[in-house]
Amino acid sequence: MKRWDTIWLGALIGLLLPALFCLAYAHTISLQFLWQEGMFETLKPVIGQMMLLSTFVDMAAMFLLYEFNLWRIAKGIVLGIIPYMAAAILLL
């Protein structure tokens, strides 16, 4: 298992997990009422909150990896969280 313990694998996981969570979460809510005039301004805070919520999935994965002593993958997940946190700050 130690040969898979790389920062790049963690960064890939850190970038993919929130995106998959956002896609799964977007299918559970109805955003049809937001598709009106001024759509971007009303969607901006919703997308920002969804991005913040999706980073918790990465944090849970990071906790599990620390429990299994896979330190480099956990560090890579932190690198994957950074773009989502920056985008969420800009959108909120």
C-alpha atoms as a PDB file:
ATOM      1  CA  MET A   1       0.000   0.000   0.000  1.00  0.00           C
ATOM      2  CA  LYS A   2       2.962   2.316   0.498  1.00  0.00           C
ATOM      3  CA  ARG A   3       3.693   2.550  -3.223  1.00  0.00           C
ATOM      4  CA  TRP A   4       0.287   4.216  -3.771  1.00  0.00           C
ATOM      5  CA  ASP A   5       1.061   6.770  -1.047  1.00  0.00           C
ATOM      6  CA  THR A   6       1.825   9.754  -3.320  1.00  0.00           C
ATOM      7  CA  ILE A   7       0.853  13.401  -3.154  1.00  0.00           C
ATOM      8  CA  TRP A   8      -0.351  13.394  -6.779  1.00  0.00           C
ATOM      9  CA  LEU A   9      -2.864  10.624  -6.141  1.00  0.00           C
ATOM     10  CA  GLY A  10      -4.137  12.575  -3.147  1.00  0.00           C
ATOM     11  CA  ALA A  11      -4.442  15.755  -5.213  1.00  0.00           C
ATOM     12  CA  LEU A  12      -6.442  13.885  -7.838  1.00  0.00           C
ATOM     13  CA  ILE A  13      -8.729  12.453  -5.162  1.00  0.00           C
ATOM     14  CA  GLY A  14      -9.002  15.901  -3.575  1.00  0.00           C
ATOM     15  CA  LEU A  15     -10.129  17.417  -6.868  1.00  0.00           C
ATOM     16  CA  LEU A  16     -12.547  14.654  -7.850  1.00  0.00           C
ATOM     17  CA  LEU A  17     -14.386  13.971  -4.570  1.00  0.00           C
ATOM     18  CA  PRO A  18     -15.943  17.450  -4.188  1.00  0.00           C
ATOM     19  CA  ALA A  19     -16.906  17.558  -7.861  1.00  0.00           C
ATOM     20  CA  LEU A  20     -18.664  14.196  -7.584  1.00  0.00           C
ATOM     21  CA  PHE A  21     -20.375  15.301  -4.379  1.00  0.00           C
ATOM     22  CA  CYS A  22     -21.570  18.528  -6.017  1.00  0.00           C
ATOM     23  CA  LEU A  23     -22.986  16.590  -8.956  1.00  0.00           C
ATOM     24  CA  ALA A  24     -24.772  14.142  -6.660  1.00  0.00           C
ATOM     25  CA  TYR A  25     -26.076  16.921  -4.423  1.00  0.00           C
ATOM     26  CA  ALA A  26     -27.270  19.064  -7.338  1.00  0.00           C
ATOM     27  CA  HIS A  27     -29.528  16.234  -8.496  1.00  0.00           C
ATOM     28  CA  THR A  28     -31.306  16.099  -5.128  1.00  0.00           C
ATOM     29  CA  ILE A  29     -32.413  19.743  -5.055  1.00  0.00           C
ATOM     30  CA  SER A  30     -34.635  21.583  -7.490  1.00  0.00           C
ATOM     31  CA  LEU A  31     -33.048  24.717  -8.888  1.00  0.00           C
ATOM     32  CA  GLN A  32     -35.720  25.384 -11.501  1.00  0.00           C
ATOM     33  CA  PHE A  33     -37.007  28.473  -9.712  1.00  0.00           C
ATOM     34  CA  LEU A  34     -33.558  30.058 -10.040  1.00  0.00           C
ATOM     35  CA  TRP A  35     -33.521  29.850 -13.860  1.00  0.00           C
ATOM     36  CA  GLN A  36     -35.022  33.283 -14.307  1.00  0.00           C
ATOM     37  CA  GLU A  37     -33.720  36.736 -14.996  1.00  0.00           C
ATOM     38  CA  GLY A  38     -30.543  37.482 -13.028  1.00  0.00           C
ATOM     39  CA  MET A  39     -29.710  33.805 -12.803  1.00  0.00           C
ATOM     40  CA  PHE A  40     -26.000  34.135 -11.995  1.00  0.00           C
ATOM     41  CA  GLU A  41     -26.519  36.507  -9.093  1.00  0.00           C
ATOM     42  CA  THR A  42     -29.013  34.154  -7.453  1.00  0.00           C
ATOM     43  CA  LEU A  43     -26.972  31.014  -8.151  1.00  0.00           C
ATOM     44  CA  LYS A  44     -23.686  32.453  -6.918  1.00  0.00           C
ATOM     45  CA  PRO A  45     -24.285  31.957  -3.165  1.00  0.00           C
ATOM     46  CA  VAL A  46     -25.867  28.544  -3.706  1.00  0.00           C
ATOM     47  CA  ILE A  47     -22.847  27.326  -5.659  1.00  0.00           C
ATOM     48  CA  GLY A  48     -20.491  28.790  -3.045  1.00  0.00           C
ATOM     49  CA  GLN A  49     -22.301  27.003  -0.220  1.00  0.00           C
ATOM     50  CA  MET A  50     -22.299  23.761  -2.182  1.00  0.00           C
ATOM     51  CA  MET A  51     -18.543  24.060  -2.683  1.00  0.00           C
ATOM     52  CA  LEU A  52     -17.985  24.647   1.012  1.00  0.00           C
ATOM     53  CA  LEU A  53     -20.162  21.663   1.850  1.00  0.00           C
ATOM     54  CA  SER A  54     -18.276  19.478  -0.606  1.00  0.00           C
ATOM     55  CA  THR A  55     -14.946  20.192   1.100  1.00  0.00           C
ATOM     56  CA  PHE A  56     -16.212  18.298   4.143  1.00  0.00           C
ATOM     57  CA  VAL A  57     -16.114  15.133   2.020  1.00  0.00           C
ATOM     58  CA  ASP A  58     -12.414  15.755   1.433  1.00  0.00           C
ATOM     59  CA  MET A  59     -11.844  16.381   5.114  1.00  0.00           C
ATOM     60  CA  ALA A  60     -13.528  13.083   6.000  1.00  0.00           C
ATOM     61  CA  ALA A  61     -11.371  11.268   3.446  1.00  0.00           C
ATOM     62  CA  MET A  62      -8.300  12.987   4.858  1.00  0.00           C
ATOM     63  CA  PHE A  63      -9.196  11.821   8.372  1.00  0.00           C
ATOM     64  CA  LEU A  64      -9.562   8.226   7.170  1.00  0.00           C
ATOM     65  CA  LEU A  65      -6.215   8.363   5.383  1.00  0.00           C
ATOM     66  CA  TYR A  66      -4.505   9.673   8.515  1.00  0.00           C
ATOM     67  CA  GLU A  67      -5.980   6.737  10.437  1.00  0.00           C
ATOM     68  CA  PHE A  68      -4.408   4.323   7.926  1.00  0.00           C
ATOM     69  CA  ASN A  69      -1.051   6.199   8.021  1.00  0.00           C
ATOM     70  CA  LEU A  70      -1.200   7.277   4.383  1.00  0.00           C
ATOM     71  CA  TRP A  71       0.309  10.694   4.998  1.00  0.00           C
ATOM     72  CA  ARG A  72       1.241  11.722   1.460  1.00  0.00           C
ATOM     73  CA  ILE A  73      -2.214  11.044   0.017  1.00  0.00           C
ATOM     74  CA  ALA A  74      -3.720  13.079   2.857  1.00  0.00           C
ATOM     75  CA  LYS A  75      -1.354  15.959   2.061  1.00  0.00           C
ATOM     76  CA  GLY A  76      -2.401  15.759  -1.589  1.00  0.00           C
ATOM     77  CA  ILE A  77      -6.053  16.011  -0.581  1.00  0.00           C
ATOM     78  CA  VAL A  78      -5.242  19.273   1.168  1.00  0.00           C
ATOM     79  CA  LEU A  79      -3.802  20.508  -2.138  1.00  0.00           C
ATOM     80  CA  GLY A  80      -7.036  19.478  -3.844  1.00  0.00           C
ATOM     81  CA  ILE A  81      -9.143  21.416  -1.333  1.00  0.00           C
ATOM     82  CA  ILE A  82      -7.393  24.732  -2.042  1.00  0.00           C
ATOM     83  CA  PRO A  83      -9.078  25.547  -5.404  1.00  0.00           C
ATOM     84  CA  TYR A  84     -12.522  24.709  -4.015  1.00  0.00           C
ATOM     85  CA  MET A  85     -12.011  26.879  -0.951  1.00  0.00           C
ATOM     86  CA  ALA A  86     -10.759  29.784  -3.083  1.00  0.00           C
ATOM     87  CA  ALA A  87     -13.736  29.501  -5.433  1.00  0.00           C
ATOM     88  CA  ALA A  88     -16.165  29.281  -2.509  1.00  0.00           C
ATOM     89  CA  ILE A  89     -14.689  32.412  -0.922  1.00  0.00           C
ATOM     90  CA  LEU A  90     -15.002  34.296  -4.210  1.00  0.00           C
ATOM     91  CA  LEU A  91     -18.611  33.159  -4.699  1.00  0.00           C
ATOM     92  CA  LEU A  92     -19.810  33.968  -1.193  1.00  0.00           C
END
